[in-house]
Amino acid sequence: MFTGIIEELGTIASLKTDQENLDITVRSNFTSELKIDQSVAHNGVCLTVVSIEDDTYTVTAIKETLDKTNLKDLVEGSMVNLERGMKLGARLDGHIVQGHVDQTAVCTAVSEADGSWYFTFNYDPGLSNITIEKGSITVNGVSLTVVNSKKNEFSVAIIPFTYEHTNFNTFREGTVVNLEFDVIGKYVKRITELG
């Protein structure tokens, strides 16, 4: 369980293909605090630490994960948003994030707004996911509030701190991002579908 409040940016140190899996080695400032079998969210994708060496750790993404996320687009040197699992009893500063990406989206517009930024994303309607105005959405692991919710499209407004401390500052038109829709909204939608 995560909150969508990014702890730091990690750097992809190496990528190694093993059959249909991808071993992702990440350099981060909190590596020394990790342990084997711990969960860490990478651009919002919950992955398990399988090895630790010096200031790097390795996680494995299986084919299912690669097919549904933007992790397949990583290259050495890529910056990823990192968040360790939530501590029980700690403040929930973002919203409930599972680290289970629902689908990807494409950034279709970036505009500066006198000190803040608006990012617009378009996503495939085939999976029937929805956003609502002022609802929660997770983009590359970042807990955000939806603005300008439309069918298969929404925007988010980014403050300078988020812009500077996440990989949002690398997004351009055409950038592919991971989306996790609000878990409560997903349950409500499913219940209404079942009637």
Protein backbone atom coordinates (compact mmCIF):
# COMPACT_ATOMS: atom_id res chain seq x y z
CA MET A 1 0.00 0.00 0.00
CA PHE A 2 1.28 3.43 -0.96
CA THR A 3 0.16 7.06 -0.69
CA GLY A 4 1.29 8.53 -4.01
CA ILE A 5 3.68 10.92 -2.27
CA ILE A 6 7.00 10.41 -4.07
CA GLU A 7 10.03 10.05 -1.81
CA GLU A 8 12.69 10.57 -4.42
CA LEU A 9 13.78 10.13 -8.01
CA GLY A 10 15.80 7.01 -8.71
CA THR A 11 18.11 6.45 -11.66
CA ILE A 12 18.04 3.30 -13.76
CA ALA A 13 21.55 1.87 -13.40
CA SER A 14 21.03 -1.20 -15.61
CA LEU A 15 18.41 -3.30 -17.35
CA LYS A 16 18.78 -7.01 -18.00
CA THR A 17 16.35 -9.21 -19.89
CA ASP A 18 15.83 -12.71 -18.45
CA GLN A 19 13.48 -14.68 -20.72
CA GLU A 20 10.31 -12.51 -20.74
CA ASN A 21 11.24 -10.73 -17.49
CA LEU A 22 13.15 -7.49 -17.03
CA ASP A 23 15.56 -7.09 -14.10
CA ILE A 24 15.67 -3.38 -13.27
CA THR A 25 18.58 -2.09 -11.19
CA VAL A 26 17.92 1.28 -9.56
CA ARG A 27 20.30 3.71 -7.84
CA SER A 28 18.63 5.51 -4.94
CA ASN A 29 19.52 7.36 -1.74
CA PHE A 30 17.43 4.99 0.40
CA THR A 31 18.94 1.72 -0.89
CA SER A 32 20.79 1.16 2.40
CA GLU A 33 17.43 1.19 4.23
CA LEU A 34 15.88 -1.50 2.00
CA LYS A 35 15.76 -5.24 2.55
CA ILE A 36 15.19 -8.17 0.26
CA ASP A 37 11.47 -8.89 -0.36
CA GLN A 38 10.41 -5.29 0.38
CA SER A 39 7.93 -3.53 -1.94
CA VAL A 40 8.85 -0.29 -3.68
CA ALA A 41 6.71 1.61 -6.20
CA HIS A 42 8.50 2.57 -9.43
CA ASN A 43 6.48 5.09 -11.48
CA GLY A 44 3.55 3.73 -9.49
CA VAL A 45 4.31 0.04 -10.13
CA CYS A 46 4.73 -2.08 -6.99
CA LEU A 47 7.82 -4.31 -7.42
CA THR A 48 9.72 -6.54 -4.99
CA VAL A 49 13.37 -5.97 -4.11
CA VAL A 50 15.29 -9.12 -5.11
CA SER A 51 18.90 -7.98 -4.53
CA ILE A 52 20.86 -5.10 -3.03
CA GLU A 53 24.41 -4.02 -3.83
CA ASP A 54 26.05 -0.82 -2.59
CA ASP A 55 23.72 2.07 -3.55
CA THR A 56 21.65 0.02 -6.03
CA TYR A 57 18.89 -2.52 -5.72
CA THR A 58 17.21 -4.77 -8.27
CA VAL A 59 13.56 -5.56 -8.90
CA THR A 60 12.01 -7.84 -11.52
CA ALA A 61 9.14 -6.91 -13.81
CA ILE A 62 7.36 -9.86 -15.41
CA LYS A 63 5.71 -9.85 -18.85
CA GLU A 64 2.26 -8.98 -17.42
CA THR A 65 3.74 -5.86 -15.80
CA LEU A 66 5.74 -4.89 -18.88
CA ASP A 67 2.68 -5.28 -21.12
CA LYS A 68 0.54 -2.94 -18.99
CA THR A 69 3.01 -0.25 -17.87
CA ASN A 70 5.64 2.13 -19.19
CA LEU A 71 8.48 0.16 -17.55
CA LYS A 72 9.21 -1.45 -20.94
CA ASP A 73 10.24 2.02 -22.17
CA LEU A 74 12.97 2.51 -19.55
CA VAL A 75 16.59 2.95 -20.62
CA GLU A 76 19.77 3.28 -18.55
CA GLY A 77 19.76 6.75 -17.03
CA SER A 78 15.95 7.07 -16.96
CA MET A 79 14.56 8.76 -13.87
CA VAL A 80 11.77 6.94 -12.01
CA ASN A 81 9.50 8.11 -9.21
CA LEU A 82 10.11 6.02 -6.07
CA GLU A 83 8.00 5.42 -3.00
CA ARG A 84 8.44 2.81 -0.29
CA GLY A 85 5.40 1.10 1.23
CA MET A 86 3.29 3.09 3.65
CA LYS A 87 3.96 2.68 7.38
CA LEU A 88 0.92 1.60 9.38
CA GLY A 89 -0.14 4.45 11.63
CA ALA A 90 1.54 7.14 9.49
CA ARG A 91 -0.31 10.03 7.86
CA LEU A 92 -1.96 9.30 4.54
CA ASP A 93 -0.87 12.47 2.73
CA GLY A 94 -1.99 11.41 -0.76
CA HIS A 95 -4.70 8.80 -1.28
CA ILE A 96 -4.88 5.00 -1.13
CA VAL A 97 -2.57 3.71 -3.86
CA GLN A 98 -2.08 0.00 -4.40
CA GLY A 99 0.79 0.13 -6.86
CA HIS A 100 -1.31 -1.87 -9.33
CA VAL A 101 -1.28 0.06 -12.60
CA ASP A 102 -4.56 -0.10 -14.51
CA GLN A 103 -3.29 1.13 -17.85
CA THR A 104 -1.03 3.64 -19.55
CA ALA A 105 -1.90 7.03 -20.99
CA VAL A 106 -0.25 9.47 -23.38
CA CYS A 107 0.53 13.06 -22.46
CA THR A 108 -1.25 15.20 -25.05
CA ALA A 109 -0.51 18.70 -23.74
CA VAL A 110 1.78 20.52 -21.33
CA SER A 111 1.17 24.17 -20.49
CA GLU A 112 2.78 26.50 -17.99
CA ALA A 113 0.39 28.63 -15.94
CA ASP A 114 2.45 31.36 -14.30
CA GLY A 115 4.22 29.19 -11.73
CA SER A 116 2.38 25.91 -12.12
CA TRP A 117 1.84 23.45 -14.96
CA TYR A 118 -1.12 21.67 -16.51
CA PHE A 119 -0.63 18.24 -18.02
CA THR A 120 -3.35 16.59 -20.11
CA PHE A 121 -3.52 12.83 -20.66
CA ASN A 122 -5.53 10.65 -23.01
CA TYR A 123 -6.14 6.98 -22.26
CA ASP A 124 -7.62 4.00 -24.12
CA PRO A 125 -11.37 3.72 -23.44
CA GLY A 126 -11.32 -0.05 -23.97
CA LEU A 127 -10.72 -0.81 -20.29
CA SER A 128 -13.70 1.33 -19.16
CA ASN A 129 -11.72 3.29 -16.56
CA ILE A 130 -13.07 6.70 -15.59
CA THR A 131 -12.03 9.86 -13.81
CA ILE A 132 -14.25 12.36 -12.05
CA GLU A 133 -13.75 16.07 -11.50
CA LYS A 134 -11.70 16.64 -8.32
CA GLY A 135 -11.29 12.88 -7.89
CA SER A 136 -7.97 11.15 -7.25
CA ILE A 137 -5.68 9.70 -9.92
CA THR A 138 -2.17 8.32 -9.74
CA VAL A 139 0.14 9.28 -12.63
CA ASN A 140 3.54 7.53 -12.58
CA GLY A 141 2.94 6.91 -8.89
CA VAL A 142 2.12 10.54 -8.03
CA SER A 143 -1.16 11.15 -6.16
CA LEU A 144 -2.99 13.96 -7.96
CA THR A 145 -6.38 15.64 -8.25
CA VAL A 146 -8.22 15.42 -11.56
CA VAL A 147 -9.20 18.65 -13.30
CA ASN A 148 -11.13 18.95 -16.54
CA SER A 149 -12.34 15.34 -16.50
CA LYS A 150 -13.64 14.19 -19.88
CA LYS A 151 -14.33 10.83 -21.46
CA ASN A 152 -10.90 9.14 -21.78
CA GLU A 153 -9.08 12.39 -21.00
CA PHE A 154 -8.21 14.45 -17.95
CA SER A 155 -5.76 17.07 -16.78
CA VAL A 156 -3.80 17.60 -13.59
CA ALA A 157 -2.29 20.79 -12.17
CA ILE A 158 1.27 20.46 -10.87
CA ILE A 159 2.83 22.70 -8.24
CA PRO A 160 6.53 23.65 -8.50
CA PHE A 161 7.60 21.20 -5.74
CA THR A 162 6.03 18.22 -7.55
CA TYR A 163 7.44 19.40 -10.88
CA GLU A 164 10.96 19.62 -9.44
CA HIS A 165 10.90 16.42 -7.32
CA THR A 166 9.24 13.94 -9.69
CA ASN A 167 9.77 12.93 -13.30
CA PHE A 168 6.93 15.24 -14.37
CA ASN A 169 9.66 17.68 -15.45
CA THR A 170 10.60 15.20 -18.21
CA PHE A 171 7.07 14.84 -19.65
CA ARG A 172 6.44 16.12 -23.16
CA GLU A 173 3.63 15.56 -25.64
CA GLY A 174 3.78 11.85 -26.45
CA THR A 175 5.25 10.72 -23.11
CA VAL A 176 3.66 7.45 -21.95
CA VAL A 177 2.72 7.32 -18.26
CA ASN A 178 1.26 4.75 -15.85
CA LEU A 179 -2.24 5.32 -14.46
CA GLU A 180 -3.82 3.86 -11.36
CA PHE A 181 -7.43 4.94 -11.00
CA ASP A 182 -8.95 5.51 -7.56
CA VAL A 183 -9.60 2.12 -5.91
CA ILE A 184 -12.85 3.22 -4.27
CA GLY A 185 -14.12 4.53 -7.60
CA LYS A 186 -13.24 1.22 -9.25
CA TYR A 187 -15.28 -0.72 -6.68
CA VAL A 188 -18.26 1.62 -7.04
CA LYS A 189 -18.10 1.33 -10.82
CA ARG A 190 -17.94 -2.49 -10.65
CA ILE A 191 -20.87 -2.71 -8.20
CA THR A 192 -23.04 -0.54 -10.44
CA GLU A 193 -22.09 -2.64 -13.48
CA LEU A 194 -23.21 -5.80 -11.66
CA GLY A 195 -26.46 -4.07 -10.83
